[in-house]
Amino acid sequence: MLYVDRPAWPARGRLWSHLISDVSTAELHAFAEALGVPRRAFDRDHYDIPAERYAPAVYLGARVVPSRELVRLLHAANLRRPKHLCRPTA
């Protein structure tokens, strides 16, 4: 299943949402590609999507949940990748 929170995170003059999967990163990447979100928007365990991609994400089947629920779902699926555990790629 795919999940998205409401656009509430300001950055670069826009509002952003987080998009996650509780199944796999492969499912998440495929959904983001179908949504037209570039791979560079992927951050460890989620995609940052701009507010204008929120409604299409919901239309395509992402379930709207609060931000805290996204984190809970990632932990429950063992897909959470905290920044302090991720090595930078060179």
C-alpha atoms as a PDB file:
ATOM      1  CA  MET A   1       0.000   0.000   0.000  1.00  0.00           C
ATOM      2  CA  LEU A   2       1.149   3.553  -0.669  1.00  0.00           C
ATOM      3  CA  TYR A   3       0.653   6.435   1.729  1.00  0.00           C
ATOM      4  CA  VAL A   4       1.023  10.202   1.534  1.00  0.00           C
ATOM      5  CA  ASP A   5       0.727  12.993   4.078  1.00  0.00           C
ATOM      6  CA  ARG A   6      -0.878  16.344   3.311  1.00  0.00           C
ATOM      7  CA  PRO A   7       1.357  19.035   1.804  1.00  0.00           C
ATOM      8  CA  ALA A   8       2.584  20.909   4.871  1.00  0.00           C
ATOM      9  CA  TRP A   9       6.375  20.982   4.646  1.00  0.00           C
ATOM     10  CA  PRO A  10       7.709  24.274   3.233  1.00  0.00           C
ATOM     11  CA  ALA A  11      10.890  24.282   1.138  1.00  0.00           C
ATOM     12  CA  ARG A  12      12.085  26.179  -1.925  1.00  0.00           C
ATOM     13  CA  GLY A  13       8.936  28.331  -2.031  1.00  0.00           C
ATOM     14  CA  ARG A  14       6.474  25.414  -2.120  1.00  0.00           C
ATOM     15  CA  LEU A  15       4.730  22.941   0.150  1.00  0.00           C
ATOM     16  CA  TRP A  16       5.724  19.277   0.102  1.00  0.00           C
ATOM     17  CA  SER A  17       4.300  15.884   1.067  1.00  0.00           C
ATOM     18  CA  HIS A  18       5.985  12.591   1.858  1.00  0.00           C
ATOM     19  CA  LEU A  19       5.145   9.468  -0.116  1.00  0.00           C
ATOM     20  CA  ILE A  20       5.923   5.987   1.275  1.00  0.00           C
ATOM     21  CA  SER A  21       5.216   2.309   0.706  1.00  0.00           C
ATOM     22  CA  ASP A  22       4.731  -0.239   3.475  1.00  0.00           C
ATOM     23  CA  VAL A  23       5.492  -3.059   1.013  1.00  0.00           C
ATOM     24  CA  SER A  24       8.833  -2.285  -0.656  1.00  0.00           C
ATOM     25  CA  THR A  25      11.009   0.432  -2.096  1.00  0.00           C
ATOM     26  CA  ALA A  26      10.426  -1.186  -5.507  1.00  0.00           C
ATOM     27  CA  GLU A  27       6.692  -0.511  -5.166  1.00  0.00           C
ATOM     28  CA  LEU A  28       7.473   3.048  -4.050  1.00  0.00           C
ATOM     29  CA  HIS A  29       9.812   3.713  -7.005  1.00  0.00           C
ATOM     30  CA  ALA A  30       7.283   2.318  -9.504  1.00  0.00           C
ATOM     31  CA  PHE A  31       4.484   4.474  -8.088  1.00  0.00           C
ATOM     32  CA  ALA A  32       6.671   7.590  -8.068  1.00  0.00           C
ATOM     33  CA  GLU A  33       7.650   6.945 -11.680  1.00  0.00           C
ATOM     34  CA  ALA A  34       3.981   6.595 -12.684  1.00  0.00           C
ATOM     35  CA  LEU A  35       3.314   9.841 -10.831  1.00  0.00           C
ATOM     36  CA  GLY A  36       6.077  11.611 -12.754  1.00  0.00           C
ATOM     37  CA  VAL A  37       8.257  12.189  -9.689  1.00  0.00           C
ATOM     38  CA  PRO A  38      12.001  12.066 -10.470  1.00  0.00           C
ATOM     39  CA  ARG A  39      14.237   9.590  -8.636  1.00  0.00           C
ATOM     40  CA  ARG A  40      16.241  12.497  -7.169  1.00  0.00           C
ATOM     41  CA  ALA A  41      13.185  13.205  -4.947  1.00  0.00           C
ATOM     42  CA  PHE A  42      13.811   9.901  -3.116  1.00  0.00           C
ATOM     43  CA  ASP A  43      15.268  10.369   0.376  1.00  0.00           C
ATOM     44  CA  ARG A  44      16.298   7.092   2.109  1.00  0.00           C
ATOM     45  CA  ASP A  45      12.772   5.667   2.618  1.00  0.00           C
ATOM     46  CA  HIS A  46      10.341   8.170   1.102  1.00  0.00           C
ATOM     47  CA  TYR A  47       9.778  10.565  -1.756  1.00  0.00           C
ATOM     48  CA  ASP A  48       9.317  14.280  -1.236  1.00  0.00           C
ATOM     49  CA  ILE A  49       6.554  15.315  -3.608  1.00  0.00           C
ATOM     50  CA  PRO A  50       5.381  18.870  -4.322  1.00  0.00           C
ATOM     51  CA  ALA A  51       1.839  19.943  -3.462  1.00  0.00           C
ATOM     52  CA  GLU A  52       0.769  19.783  -7.113  1.00  0.00           C
ATOM     53  CA  ARG A  53       1.517  16.023  -7.135  1.00  0.00           C
ATOM     54  CA  TYR A  54      -0.531  15.367  -3.967  1.00  0.00           C
ATOM     55  CA  ALA A  55      -3.972  15.115  -5.654  1.00  0.00           C
ATOM     56  CA  PRO A  56      -2.693  12.868  -8.471  1.00  0.00           C
ATOM     57  CA  ALA A  57      -1.024  10.602  -5.877  1.00  0.00           C
ATOM     58  CA  VAL A  58      -4.322  10.244  -4.023  1.00  0.00           C
ATOM     59  CA  TYR A  59      -6.177   9.687  -7.300  1.00  0.00           C
ATOM     60  CA  LEU A  60      -3.750   6.899  -8.219  1.00  0.00           C
ATOM     61  CA  GLY A  61      -4.404   5.164  -4.905  1.00  0.00           C
ATOM     62  CA  ALA A  62      -2.138   6.582  -2.194  1.00  0.00           C
ATOM     63  CA  ARG A  63      -3.924   6.643   1.163  1.00  0.00           C
ATOM     64  CA  VAL A  64      -3.791   9.962   3.058  1.00  0.00           C
ATOM     65  CA  VAL A  65      -2.459   9.623   6.609  1.00  0.00           C
ATOM     66  CA  PRO A  66      -0.885  11.980   9.172  1.00  0.00           C
ATOM     67  CA  SER A  67       2.907  12.381   9.067  1.00  0.00           C
ATOM     68  CA  ARG A  68       3.412  10.427  12.289  1.00  0.00           C
ATOM     69  CA  GLU A  69       1.516   7.515  10.794  1.00  0.00           C
ATOM     70  CA  LEU A  70       3.986   7.430   7.878  1.00  0.00           C
ATOM     71  CA  VAL A  71       6.842   6.881  10.322  1.00  0.00           C
ATOM     72  CA  ARG A  72       4.892   4.220  12.225  1.00  0.00           C
ATOM     73  CA  LEU A  73       4.069   2.388   8.994  1.00  0.00           C
ATOM     74  CA  LEU A  74       7.705   2.458   7.851  1.00  0.00           C
ATOM     75  CA  HIS A  75       8.860   1.063  11.198  1.00  0.00           C
ATOM     76  CA  ALA A  76       6.197  -1.657  11.164  1.00  0.00           C
ATOM     77  CA  ALA A  77       7.253  -2.701   7.651  1.00  0.00           C
ATOM     78  CA  ASN A  78      10.941  -2.582   8.624  1.00  0.00           C
ATOM     79  CA  LEU A  79      11.536  -0.052   5.827  1.00  0.00           C
ATOM     80  CA  ARG A  80      12.530   2.956   7.961  1.00  0.00           C
ATOM     81  CA  ARG A  81      16.001   4.235   7.053  1.00  0.00           C
ATOM     82  CA  PRO A  82      17.012   6.883   9.622  1.00  0.00           C
ATOM     83  CA  LYS A  83      19.604   9.390   8.462  1.00  0.00           C
ATOM     84  CA  HIS A  84      22.116   8.417  11.161  1.00  0.00           C
ATOM     85  CA  LEU A  85      22.146   4.812   9.881  1.00  0.00           C
ATOM     86  CA  CYS A  86      22.553   5.679   6.203  1.00  0.00           C
ATOM     87  CA  ARG A  87      26.044   6.079   4.836  1.00  0.00           C
ATOM     88  CA  PRO A  88      26.611   8.830   2.304  1.00  0.00           C
ATOM     89  CA  THR A  89      27.269   7.548  -1.188  1.00  0.00           C
ATOM     90  CA  ALA A  90      30.318   8.945  -2.906  1.00  0.00           C
END
